[in-house]
Amino acid sequence: MGSMEGKSGLVTGAASGIGRATAVRAAAEGASVLVSDLESAREGGEETVAIIGKAGGTAEFQVCDVAQPADHDALVAGVLERWGRLDFAHNNAGVGGGGKLLADIADEEFDRVIAINLRGVFLGMKRQIRAMLAGGGGSIVNTASNAGLRGVRRLAPYTAAKHGLVGLTKNAAVEYAEDLIRVNAVAPGTIMTGFARGASPERLAQIMKPQALQRIGEPEEVAAAVVWLMSDDASFVTGVTLPVDAGSVAGW
């Protein structure tokens, strides 16, 4: 039996990258997974479902724009309608943004990053926690960043959102521990996702400079940590933000 055998839950931002890798890993460990992403990413989301199905796992796709409260209502309802309970949630969807010093950032750009990366997770957690309270417990993992644990030049909106997400994770963990709901986060470093693929070699070298391990991580390496935190193997772990970052926070 896998560590997620018999559990059901959701992953946002699962059309690619860390979200896809988490959905695939959770399904391989025995979970039923509602894969979600934007309508514009439907093709990638359905590809994630196909990968899981080909490996013998259980998954379906449902659109979710994490900035929209009604989409979160529908997503949680989608898990409950299909499988009867919400055991886990990986709030992974997010956007980048940056490249400017703080004083040069447009107000609208700051608001957009906060709306998706912080408020979007808050909206999801509210609904996920309510379902888990009704079901007797569960586990939530949020995708933060090593930029949620230190300052990163020219990344102020993203850094602010991810620091806020670390705080939100801690608050939920201490508020709902007695209800058997664990809430944790992962803080990835440089991972081979769309951002890393599009960055210049010089930019990648700059980003990796603080890392102890001088290589780019794979989404599957983050997914392994996420699925462990969601599973009963991490039953004594809550309120933690786990760096999966090749030692960059330690070295900073």
C-alpha atoms as a PDB file:
ATOM      1  CA  MET A   1       0.000   0.000   0.000  1.00  0.00           C
ATOM      2  CA  GLY A   2       1.129   3.539  -0.748  1.00  0.00           C
ATOM      3  CA  SER A   3       1.283   6.285   1.842  1.00  0.00           C
ATOM      4  CA  MET A   4      -1.868   7.922   0.386  1.00  0.00           C
ATOM      5  CA  GLU A   5      -3.938   4.762  -0.067  1.00  0.00           C
ATOM      6  CA  GLY A   6      -7.658   5.462   0.052  1.00  0.00           C
ATOM      7  CA  LYS A   7      -7.314   9.244   0.414  1.00  0.00           C
ATOM      8  CA  SER A   8      -8.919  11.815  -1.863  1.00  0.00           C
ATOM      9  CA  GLY A   9      -8.082  15.438  -2.442  1.00  0.00           C
ATOM     10  CA  LEU A  10      -7.124  18.227  -4.787  1.00  0.00           C
ATOM     11  CA  VAL A  11      -4.085  19.917  -6.298  1.00  0.00           C
ATOM     12  CA  THR A  12      -4.219  23.425  -7.783  1.00  0.00           C
ATOM     13  CA  GLY A  13      -1.912  24.557 -10.554  1.00  0.00           C
ATOM     14  CA  ALA A  14      -1.583  20.924 -11.601  1.00  0.00           C
ATOM     15  CA  ALA A  15      -1.376  21.334 -15.379  1.00  0.00           C
ATOM     16  CA  SER A  16       2.415  21.336 -15.187  1.00  0.00           C
ATOM     17  CA  GLY A  17       5.434  21.633 -12.927  1.00  0.00           C
ATOM     18  CA  ILE A  18       5.245  20.975  -9.190  1.00  0.00           C
ATOM     19  CA  GLY A  19       1.454  20.649  -9.210  1.00  0.00           C
ATOM     20  CA  ARG A  20       1.503  17.979 -11.899  1.00  0.00           C
ATOM     21  CA  ALA A  21       4.328  16.115 -10.178  1.00  0.00           C
ATOM     22  CA  THR A  22       2.426  16.169  -6.873  1.00  0.00           C
ATOM     23  CA  ALA A  23      -0.794  14.908  -8.441  1.00  0.00           C
ATOM     24  CA  VAL A  24       1.077  12.096 -10.194  1.00  0.00           C
ATOM     25  CA  ARG A  25       2.973  11.138  -7.029  1.00  0.00           C
ATOM     26  CA  ALA A  26      -0.141  11.232  -4.813  1.00  0.00           C
ATOM     27  CA  ALA A  27      -2.061   9.057  -7.272  1.00  0.00           C
ATOM     28  CA  ALA A  28       0.853   6.627  -7.482  1.00  0.00           C
ATOM     29  CA  GLU A  29       0.693   6.367  -3.695  1.00  0.00           C
ATOM     30  CA  GLY A  30      -2.978   5.390  -3.889  1.00  0.00           C
ATOM     31  CA  ALA A  31      -4.890   8.682  -3.724  1.00  0.00           C
ATOM     32  CA  SER A  32      -7.788   9.890  -5.867  1.00  0.00           C
ATOM     33  CA  VAL A  33      -6.858  13.352  -7.145  1.00  0.00           C
ATOM     34  CA  LEU A  34      -8.900  16.234  -8.509  1.00  0.00           C
ATOM     35  CA  VAL A  35      -6.439  17.994 -10.799  1.00  0.00           C
ATOM     36  CA  SER A  36      -7.165  21.695 -11.265  1.00  0.00           C
ATOM     37  CA  ASP A  37      -5.843  24.685 -13.165  1.00  0.00           C
ATOM     38  CA  LEU A  38      -7.047  27.604 -15.280  1.00  0.00           C
ATOM     39  CA  GLU A  39      -9.298  27.066 -18.293  1.00  0.00           C
ATOM     40  CA  SER A  40      -6.390  28.237 -20.442  1.00  0.00           C
ATOM     41  CA  ALA A  41      -4.333  25.355 -19.033  1.00  0.00           C
ATOM     42  CA  ARG A  42      -7.033  22.706 -19.549  1.00  0.00           C
ATOM     43  CA  GLU A  43      -4.953  20.781 -22.077  1.00  0.00           C
ATOM     44  CA  GLY A  44      -2.105  20.447 -19.592  1.00  0.00           C
ATOM     45  CA  GLY A  45      -4.494  19.496 -16.797  1.00  0.00           C
ATOM     46  CA  GLU A  46      -6.089  16.789 -18.882  1.00  0.00           C
ATOM     47  CA  GLU A  47      -2.608  15.565 -19.797  1.00  0.00           C
ATOM     48  CA  THR A  48      -1.842  15.245 -16.076  1.00  0.00           C
ATOM     49  CA  VAL A  49      -5.011  13.162 -15.683  1.00  0.00           C
ATOM     50  CA  ALA A  50      -3.981  10.998 -18.638  1.00  0.00           C
ATOM     51  CA  ILE A  51      -0.533  10.376 -17.142  1.00  0.00           C
ATOM     52  CA  ILE A  52      -2.165   9.277 -13.885  1.00  0.00           C
ATOM     53  CA  GLY A  53      -4.711   7.089 -15.663  1.00  0.00           C
ATOM     54  CA  LYS A  54      -2.065   5.398 -17.788  1.00  0.00           C
ATOM     55  CA  ALA A  55      -0.239   4.434 -14.593  1.00  0.00           C
ATOM     56  CA  GLY A  56      -3.427   2.929 -13.154  1.00  0.00           C
ATOM     57  CA  GLY A  57      -4.316   5.849 -10.873  1.00  0.00           C
ATOM     58  CA  THR A  58      -7.542   7.786 -10.318  1.00  0.00           C
ATOM     59  CA  ALA A  59      -7.843  11.453 -11.300  1.00  0.00           C
ATOM     60  CA  GLU A  60     -10.167  13.949 -12.949  1.00  0.00           C
ATOM     61  CA  PHE A  61      -9.712  17.537 -14.110  1.00  0.00           C
ATOM     62  CA  GLN A  62     -11.710  20.568 -12.977  1.00  0.00           C
ATOM     63  CA  VAL A  63     -11.116  24.220 -13.831  1.00  0.00           C
ATOM     64  CA  CYS A  64     -10.197  26.516 -10.945  1.00  0.00           C
ATOM     65  CA  ASP A  65      -9.091  30.143 -11.027  1.00  0.00           C
ATOM     66  CA  VAL A  66      -7.758  30.488  -7.474  1.00  0.00           C
ATOM     67  CA  ALA A  67      -8.554  34.222  -7.404  1.00  0.00           C
ATOM     68  CA  GLN A  68     -12.297  33.388  -7.625  1.00  0.00           C
ATOM     69  CA  PRO A  69     -14.077  32.261  -4.419  1.00  0.00           C
ATOM     70  CA  ALA A  70     -16.807  30.436  -6.365  1.00  0.00           C
ATOM     71  CA  ASP A  71     -14.184  28.307  -8.123  1.00  0.00           C
ATOM     72  CA  HIS A  72     -12.876  27.127  -4.752  1.00  0.00           C
ATOM     73  CA  ASP A  73     -16.433  26.274  -3.657  1.00  0.00           C
ATOM     74  CA  ALA A  74     -16.867  24.188  -6.803  1.00  0.00           C
ATOM     75  CA  LEU A  75     -13.467  22.528  -6.437  1.00  0.00           C
ATOM     76  CA  VAL A  76     -14.053  21.308  -2.889  1.00  0.00           C
ATOM     77  CA  ALA A  77     -17.581  20.248  -3.831  1.00  0.00           C
ATOM     78  CA  GLY A  78     -16.092  18.380  -6.787  1.00  0.00           C
ATOM     79  CA  VAL A  79     -13.938  16.229  -4.518  1.00  0.00           C
ATOM     80  CA  LEU A  80     -16.811  15.543  -2.119  1.00  0.00           C
ATOM     81  CA  GLU A  81     -19.203  14.637  -4.930  1.00  0.00           C
ATOM     82  CA  ARG A  82     -16.748  12.237  -6.544  1.00  0.00           C
ATOM     83  CA  TRP A  83     -15.145  10.561  -3.524  1.00  0.00           C
ATOM     84  CA  GLY A  84     -17.088  11.595  -0.425  1.00  0.00           C
ATOM     85  CA  ARG A  85     -14.374  13.316   1.595  1.00  0.00           C
ATOM     86  CA  LEU A  86     -11.482  15.778   1.370  1.00  0.00           C
ATOM     87  CA  ASP A  87      -8.392  14.279   2.976  1.00  0.00           C
ATOM     88  CA  PHE A  88      -5.725  16.512   1.452  1.00  0.00           C
ATOM     89  CA  ALA A  89      -5.170  19.687  -0.519  1.00  0.00           C
ATOM     90  CA  HIS A  90      -2.065  21.049  -2.199  1.00  0.00           C
ATOM     91  CA  ASN A  91      -2.436  24.779  -2.793  1.00  0.00           C
ATOM     92  CA  ASN A  92       0.183  25.136  -5.473  1.00  0.00           C
ATOM     93  CA  ALA A  93      -1.179  27.570  -8.069  1.00  0.00           C
ATOM     94  CA  GLY A  94       0.708  30.832  -8.319  1.00  0.00           C
ATOM     95  CA  VAL A  95       2.333  33.403 -10.550  1.00  0.00           C
ATOM     96  CA  GLY A  96       5.803  34.875 -10.698  1.00  0.00           C
ATOM     97  CA  GLY A  97       6.367  38.518 -11.368  1.00  0.00           C
ATOM     98  CA  GLY A  98       9.319  40.703 -10.690  1.00  0.00           C
ATOM     99  CA  GLY A  99      12.358  42.095 -12.407  1.00  0.00           C
ATOM    100  CA  LYS A 100      11.905  45.563 -10.919  1.00  0.00           C
ATOM    101  CA  LEU A 101      12.989  47.330  -7.763  1.00  0.00           C
ATOM    102  CA  LEU A 102      10.166  47.955  -5.296  1.00  0.00           C
ATOM    103  CA  ALA A 103       9.665  51.646  -6.110  1.00  0.00           C
ATOM    104  CA  ASP A 104       9.270  50.836  -9.811  1.00  0.00           C
ATOM    105  CA  ILE A 105       6.537  48.189  -9.423  1.00  0.00           C
ATOM    106  CA  ALA A 106       3.073  49.160 -10.630  1.00  0.00           C
ATOM    107  CA  ASP A 107       0.367  49.052  -7.976  1.00  0.00           C
ATOM    108  CA  GLU A 108      -1.684  46.742 -10.204  1.00  0.00           C
ATOM    109  CA  GLU A 109       1.175  44.243 -10.521  1.00  0.00           C
ATOM    110  CA  PHE A 110       1.584  44.045  -6.747  1.00  0.00           C
ATOM    111  CA  ASP A 111      -2.162  43.551  -6.314  1.00  0.00           C
ATOM    112  CA  ARG A 112      -2.252  40.795  -8.964  1.00  0.00           C
ATOM    113  CA  VAL A 113       0.525  38.761  -7.341  1.00  0.00           C
ATOM    114  CA  ILE A 114      -1.027  39.096  -3.871  1.00  0.00           C
ATOM    115  CA  ALA A 115      -4.485  38.204  -5.214  1.00  0.00           C
ATOM    116  CA  ILE A 116      -3.273  34.906  -6.670  1.00  0.00           C
ATOM    117  CA  ASN A 117      -0.349  33.851  -4.483  1.00  0.00           C
ATOM    118  CA  LEU A 118      -1.710  34.847  -1.068  1.00  0.00           C
ATOM    119  CA  ARG A 119      -5.412  35.671  -1.169  1.00  0.00           C
ATOM    120  CA  GLY A 120      -5.999  32.764  -3.551  1.00  0.00           C
ATOM    121  CA  VAL A 121      -4.557  30.319  -1.012  1.00  0.00           C
ATOM    122  CA  PHE A 122      -6.565  31.924   1.797  1.00  0.00           C
ATOM    123  CA  LEU A 123      -9.762  31.468  -0.224  1.00  0.00           C
ATOM    124  CA  GLY A 124      -8.921  27.817  -0.838  1.00  0.00           C
ATOM    125  CA  MET A 125      -7.890  27.036   2.724  1.00  0.00           C
ATOM    126  CA  LYS A 126     -11.142  28.430   4.149  1.00  0.00           C
ATOM    127  CA  ARG A 127     -13.197  26.008   2.139  1.00  0.00           C
ATOM    128  CA  GLN A 128     -10.795  23.089   2.492  1.00  0.00           C
ATOM    129  CA  ILE A 129     -10.705  23.467   6.277  1.00  0.00           C
ATOM    130  CA  ARG A 130     -14.510  23.535   6.500  1.00  0.00           C
ATOM    131  CA  ALA A 131     -14.712  20.270   4.551  1.00  0.00           C
ATOM    132  CA  MET A 132     -11.978  18.704   6.671  1.00  0.00           C
ATOM    133  CA  LEU A 133     -13.711  19.752   9.890  1.00  0.00           C
ATOM    134  CA  ALA A 134     -16.830  17.959   8.682  1.00  0.00           C
ATOM    135  CA  GLY A 135     -14.776  14.911   7.688  1.00  0.00           C
ATOM    136  CA  GLY A 136     -12.765  14.545  10.876  1.00  0.00           C
ATOM    137  CA  GLY A 137      -9.406  15.929   9.734  1.00  0.00           C
ATOM    138  CA  GLY A 138      -7.012  16.214   6.838  1.00  0.00           C
ATOM    139  CA  SER A 139      -3.764  17.706   5.610  1.00  0.00           C
ATOM    140  CA  ILE A 140      -3.040  20.891   3.653  1.00  0.00           C
ATOM    141  CA  VAL A 141       0.277  21.745   2.011  1.00  0.00           C
ATOM    142  CA  ASN A 142       0.916  25.180   0.517  1.00  0.00           C
ATOM    143  CA  THR A 143       3.605  25.962  -2.032  1.00  0.00           C
ATOM    144  CA  ALA A 144       5.616  28.844  -0.613  1.00  0.00           C
ATOM    145  CA  SER A 145       9.174  29.533  -1.814  1.00  0.00           C
ATOM    146  CA  ASN A 146      12.610  30.174  -0.420  1.00  0.00           C
ATOM    147  CA  ALA A 147      11.586  33.758  -1.245  1.00  0.00           C
ATOM    148  CA  GLY A 148       9.135  33.310   1.644  1.00  0.00           C
ATOM    149  CA  LEU A 149      12.087  32.838   3.996  1.00  0.00           C
ATOM    150  CA  ARG A 150      14.458  35.575   2.816  1.00  0.00           C
ATOM    151  CA  GLY A 151      14.534  38.697   0.707  1.00  0.00           C
ATOM    152  CA  VAL A 152      15.145  38.378  -3.028  1.00  0.00           C
ATOM    153  CA  ARG A 153      16.138  41.433  -5.012  1.00  0.00           C
ATOM    154  CA  ARG A 154      13.683  42.580  -7.691  1.00  0.00           C
ATOM    155  CA  LEU A 155      10.988  40.198  -6.469  1.00  0.00           C
ATOM    156  CA  ALA A 156       9.100  42.302  -3.907  1.00  0.00           C
ATOM    157  CA  PRO A 157       5.465  41.296  -4.681  1.00  0.00           C
ATOM    158  CA  TYR A 158       6.316  37.607  -4.878  1.00  0.00           C
ATOM    159  CA  THR A 159       8.477  37.753  -1.742  1.00  0.00           C
ATOM    160  CA  ALA A 160       5.749  39.582   0.170  1.00  0.00           C
ATOM    161  CA  ALA A 161       3.091  37.073  -0.913  1.00  0.00           C
ATOM    162  CA  LYS A 162       5.194  34.054  -0.022  1.00  0.00           C
ATOM    163  CA  HIS A 163       6.167  35.483   3.388  1.00  0.00           C
ATOM    164  CA  GLY A 164       2.460  36.032   3.992  1.00  0.00           C
ATOM    165  CA  LEU A 165       1.740  32.462   2.935  1.00  0.00           C
ATOM    166  CA  VAL A 166       4.257  31.136   5.476  1.00  0.00           C
ATOM    167  CA  GLY A 167       2.427  33.113   8.182  1.00  0.00           C
ATOM    168  CA  LEU A 168      -0.984  31.915   6.997  1.00  0.00           C
ATOM    169  CA  THR A 169       0.273  28.335   7.126  1.00  0.00           C
ATOM    170  CA  LYS A 170       1.471  28.719  10.718  1.00  0.00           C
ATOM    171  CA  ASN A 171      -1.768  30.347  11.825  1.00  0.00           C
ATOM    172  CA  ALA A 172      -3.954  27.635  10.339  1.00  0.00           C
ATOM    173  CA  ALA A 173      -1.711  24.961  11.850  1.00  0.00           C
ATOM    174  CA  VAL A 174      -2.074  26.250  15.407  1.00  0.00           C
ATOM    175  CA  GLU A 175      -5.789  26.998  15.045  1.00  0.00           C
ATOM    176  CA  TYR A 176      -6.842  23.593  13.729  1.00  0.00           C
ATOM    177  CA  ALA A 177      -4.389  21.106  15.236  1.00  0.00           C
ATOM    178  CA  GLU A 178      -6.934  19.860  17.765  1.00  0.00           C
ATOM    179  CA  ASP A 179      -9.321  19.209  14.889  1.00  0.00           C
ATOM    180  CA  LEU A 180      -6.754  16.829  13.353  1.00  0.00           C
ATOM    181  CA  ILE A 181      -6.023  19.157  10.445  1.00  0.00           C
ATOM    182  CA  ARG A 182      -2.321  19.564   9.713  1.00  0.00           C
ATOM    183  CA  VAL A 183      -1.136  22.537   7.660  1.00  0.00           C
ATOM    184  CA  ASN A 184       2.391  22.807   6.268  1.00  0.00           C
ATOM    185  CA  ALA A 185       4.250  24.444   3.400  1.00  0.00           C
ATOM    186  CA  VAL A 186       7.174  23.678   1.137  1.00  0.00           C
ATOM    187  CA  ALA A 187       9.670  26.342   0.106  1.00  0.00           C
ATOM    188  CA  PRO A 188      11.177  25.313  -3.238  1.00  0.00           C
ATOM    189  CA  GLY A 189      14.371  26.787  -4.574  1.00  0.00           C
ATOM    190  CA  THR A 190      15.291  26.798  -8.267  1.00  0.00           C
ATOM    191  CA  ILE A 191      13.121  24.128  -9.878  1.00  0.00           C
ATOM    192  CA  MET A 192      12.957  23.147 -13.554  1.00  0.00           C
ATOM    193  CA  THR A 193       9.579  24.704 -14.318  1.00  0.00           C
ATOM    194  CA  GLY A 194       8.539  27.224 -16.956  1.00  0.00           C
ATOM    195  CA  PHE A 195      10.372  30.068 -15.228  1.00  0.00           C
ATOM    196  CA  ALA A 196      13.691  28.229 -15.102  1.00  0.00           C
ATOM    197  CA  ARG A 197      13.357  27.075 -18.714  1.00  0.00           C
ATOM    198  CA  GLY A 198      12.833  30.654 -19.838  1.00  0.00           C
ATOM    199  CA  ALA A 199      15.638  32.210 -17.807  1.00  0.00           C
ATOM    200  CA  SER A 200      19.023  33.033 -19.284  1.00  0.00           C
ATOM    201  CA  PRO A 201      22.068  31.032 -18.143  1.00  0.00           C
ATOM    202  CA  GLU A 202      23.333  34.164 -16.401  1.00  0.00           C
ATOM    203  CA  ARG A 203      20.066  34.606 -14.479  1.00  0.00           C
ATOM    204  CA  LEU A 204      20.026  30.937 -13.468  1.00  0.00           C
ATOM    205  CA  ALA A 205      23.611  31.196 -12.233  1.00  0.00           C
ATOM    206  CA  GLN A 206      22.648  34.228 -10.159  1.00  0.00           C
ATOM    207  CA  ILE A 207      19.624  32.453  -8.665  1.00  0.00           C
ATOM    208  CA  MET A 208      21.604  29.304  -7.847  1.00  0.00           C
ATOM    209  CA  LYS A 209      24.530  31.187  -6.301  1.00  0.00           C
ATOM    210  CA  PRO A 210      23.314  30.749  -2.665  1.00  0.00           C
ATOM    211  CA  GLN A 211      22.648  27.022  -3.156  1.00  0.00           C
ATOM    212  CA  ALA A 212      24.880  24.405  -1.584  1.00  0.00           C
ATOM    213  CA  LEU A 213      23.958  21.971  -4.357  1.00  0.00           C
ATOM    214  CA  GLN A 214      24.754  23.688  -7.638  1.00  0.00           C
ATOM    215  CA  ARG A 215      22.006  22.289  -9.846  1.00  0.00           C
ATOM    216  CA  ILE A 216      18.392  22.942 -10.712  1.00  0.00           C
ATOM    217  CA  GLY A 217      15.854  20.808  -8.889  1.00  0.00           C
ATOM    218  CA  GLU A 218      13.160  18.713 -10.543  1.00  0.00           C
ATOM    219  CA  PRO A 219       9.428  19.121  -9.804  1.00  0.00           C
ATOM    220  CA  GLU A 220       9.350  15.493  -8.664  1.00  0.00           C
ATOM    221  CA  GLU A 221      11.812  16.315  -5.875  1.00  0.00           C
ATOM    222  CA  VAL A 222       9.410  18.888  -4.466  1.00  0.00           C
ATOM    223  CA  ALA A 223       6.427  16.582  -4.996  1.00  0.00           C
ATOM    224  CA  ALA A 224       8.073  13.897  -2.869  1.00  0.00           C
ATOM    225  CA  ALA A 225       8.200  16.339   0.048  1.00  0.00           C
ATOM    226  CA  VAL A 226       4.629  17.540  -0.531  1.00  0.00           C
ATOM    227  CA  VAL A 227       3.165  14.047  -0.632  1.00  0.00           C
ATOM    228  CA  TRP A 228       5.091  13.049   2.487  1.00  0.00           C
ATOM    229  CA  LEU A 229       3.690  16.076   4.333  1.00  0.00           C
ATOM    230  CA  MET A 230       0.164  15.225   3.137  1.00  0.00           C
ATOM    231  CA  SER A 231       0.481  11.590   4.188  1.00  0.00           C
ATOM    232  CA  ASP A 232       0.084   9.981   7.602  1.00  0.00           C
ATOM    233  CA  ASP A 233       3.847   9.418   7.603  1.00  0.00           C
ATOM    234  CA  ALA A 234       4.086  13.091   8.654  1.00  0.00           C
ATOM    235  CA  SER A 235       1.405  12.772  11.345  1.00  0.00           C
ATOM    236  CA  PHE A 236       3.474  14.675  13.955  1.00  0.00           C
ATOM    237  CA  VAL A 237       4.401  17.530  11.599  1.00  0.00           C
ATOM    238  CA  THR A 238       2.355  20.733  11.397  1.00  0.00           C
ATOM    239  CA  GLY A 239       3.120  24.432  11.010  1.00  0.00           C
ATOM    240  CA  VAL A 240       6.376  23.729   9.184  1.00  0.00           C
ATOM    241  CA  THR A 241       7.734  25.430   6.076  1.00  0.00           C
ATOM    242  CA  LEU A 242      10.112  22.877   4.611  1.00  0.00           C
ATOM    243  CA  PRO A 243      12.824  24.225   2.295  1.00  0.00           C
ATOM    244  CA  VAL A 244      13.354  22.040  -0.754  1.00  0.00           C
ATOM    245  CA  ASP A 245      16.011  24.330  -2.099  1.00  0.00           C
ATOM    246  CA  ALA A 246      19.440  22.689  -2.341  1.00  0.00           C
ATOM    247  CA  GLY A 247      20.538  24.473   0.830  1.00  0.00           C
ATOM    248  CA  SER A 248      20.012  28.035  -0.417  1.00  0.00           C
ATOM    249  CA  VAL A 249      18.299  29.278   2.750  1.00  0.00           C
ATOM    250  CA  ALA A 250      20.943  27.597   4.910  1.00  0.00           C
ATOM    251  CA  GLY A 251      23.692  29.154   2.839  1.00  0.00           C
ATOM    252  CA  TRP A 252      22.132  32.599   2.693  1.00  0.00           C
END
